Amino acid sequence: MLKQERHDFIMRQINLHNRVLTSDLVQLLNVSEDTIRRDLQELVEQGRLFKVHGGALSKSYHSSFDDSTVYARDSKIIIAKKATGLIKDGMVVLTGGGTTILELVKQLPESLEATFFTISPLVAVELAKYNNVEVILIGGLFSKNSQITYGGHVINQLSEINVDLCLMGTSAIHPKEGLTDTDWEINQLKKAMLAASKKSAVLCISEKLDISLRLKVCALESISYLVTELDKEDTALSGYAIKDLNIL
């Protein structure tokens, strides 16, 4: 595989999952770790990603104030507008982090009266702009990679709440494998979020459909809503049409 092809592959993985691990890229591309490190360094020098210990991060994942670097932003805005219809006055909502959730917060009606728990400081900052929204940031260890709080303290706090709706993104979703991820801590965190919620909505651009990663979060049956930018009748969603899963 040519260097440019490797770079294109790495950027696609970054755009889809917000982060990549060097060890995963070595296996996926069947090249040496030194080759991947050189590729990542070149992409850093081109200003296309952030390099961190063990891998790299998307530039769009690090700021709620710069929309120019958000991957597939038009699709995420469509998803956000669909998902806002799930949020009603008086509800208690729990959110994860990520660019799609940030787009959703920006689309909320100004008059909304609700309570939001969140594990994302960036999401909390956006929510604080709404006069009638109470914002509760769940504190704990802070992940520089995912820009969210995590760990046992966060999971303990989540076990003590019972919210109406959980809104989260996903790294991958598959008709048979359900929601999956590559990070053990994030995997456990998402399970705790789902357990704390009466209903849950997964916000997902269509490029993440039919992908399965190594750590399982939950089966499709465990979520209430799947929200993509596609029309709900699109054939790409036919494998997700199961009982009790509402496709928006």
Foldseek 3Di string as FASTA:
>chain_A
DDLVVLLVVLLVLCLLQQWDFLVVSCVVVVHDSVSSVVSVVVCVVVVQWAADVGTTGGPVQPALPDPPRRPPVVFLLLLLLVVLVVDAAAFEEEEEGDDSLSSNLVPHDLPHAYEYEYQAPNSQVSNVVRPRYHYHHQDACADPRRRGHWDDSSLVVLQPAAGAEYEYEASAAELFQGGFDDDPGVLVVLLSNLVRYPAYEYEHELVRYHDHDDGGNDHLVSHQEYTTSDDCPDPSCVSSPDPRYHYD
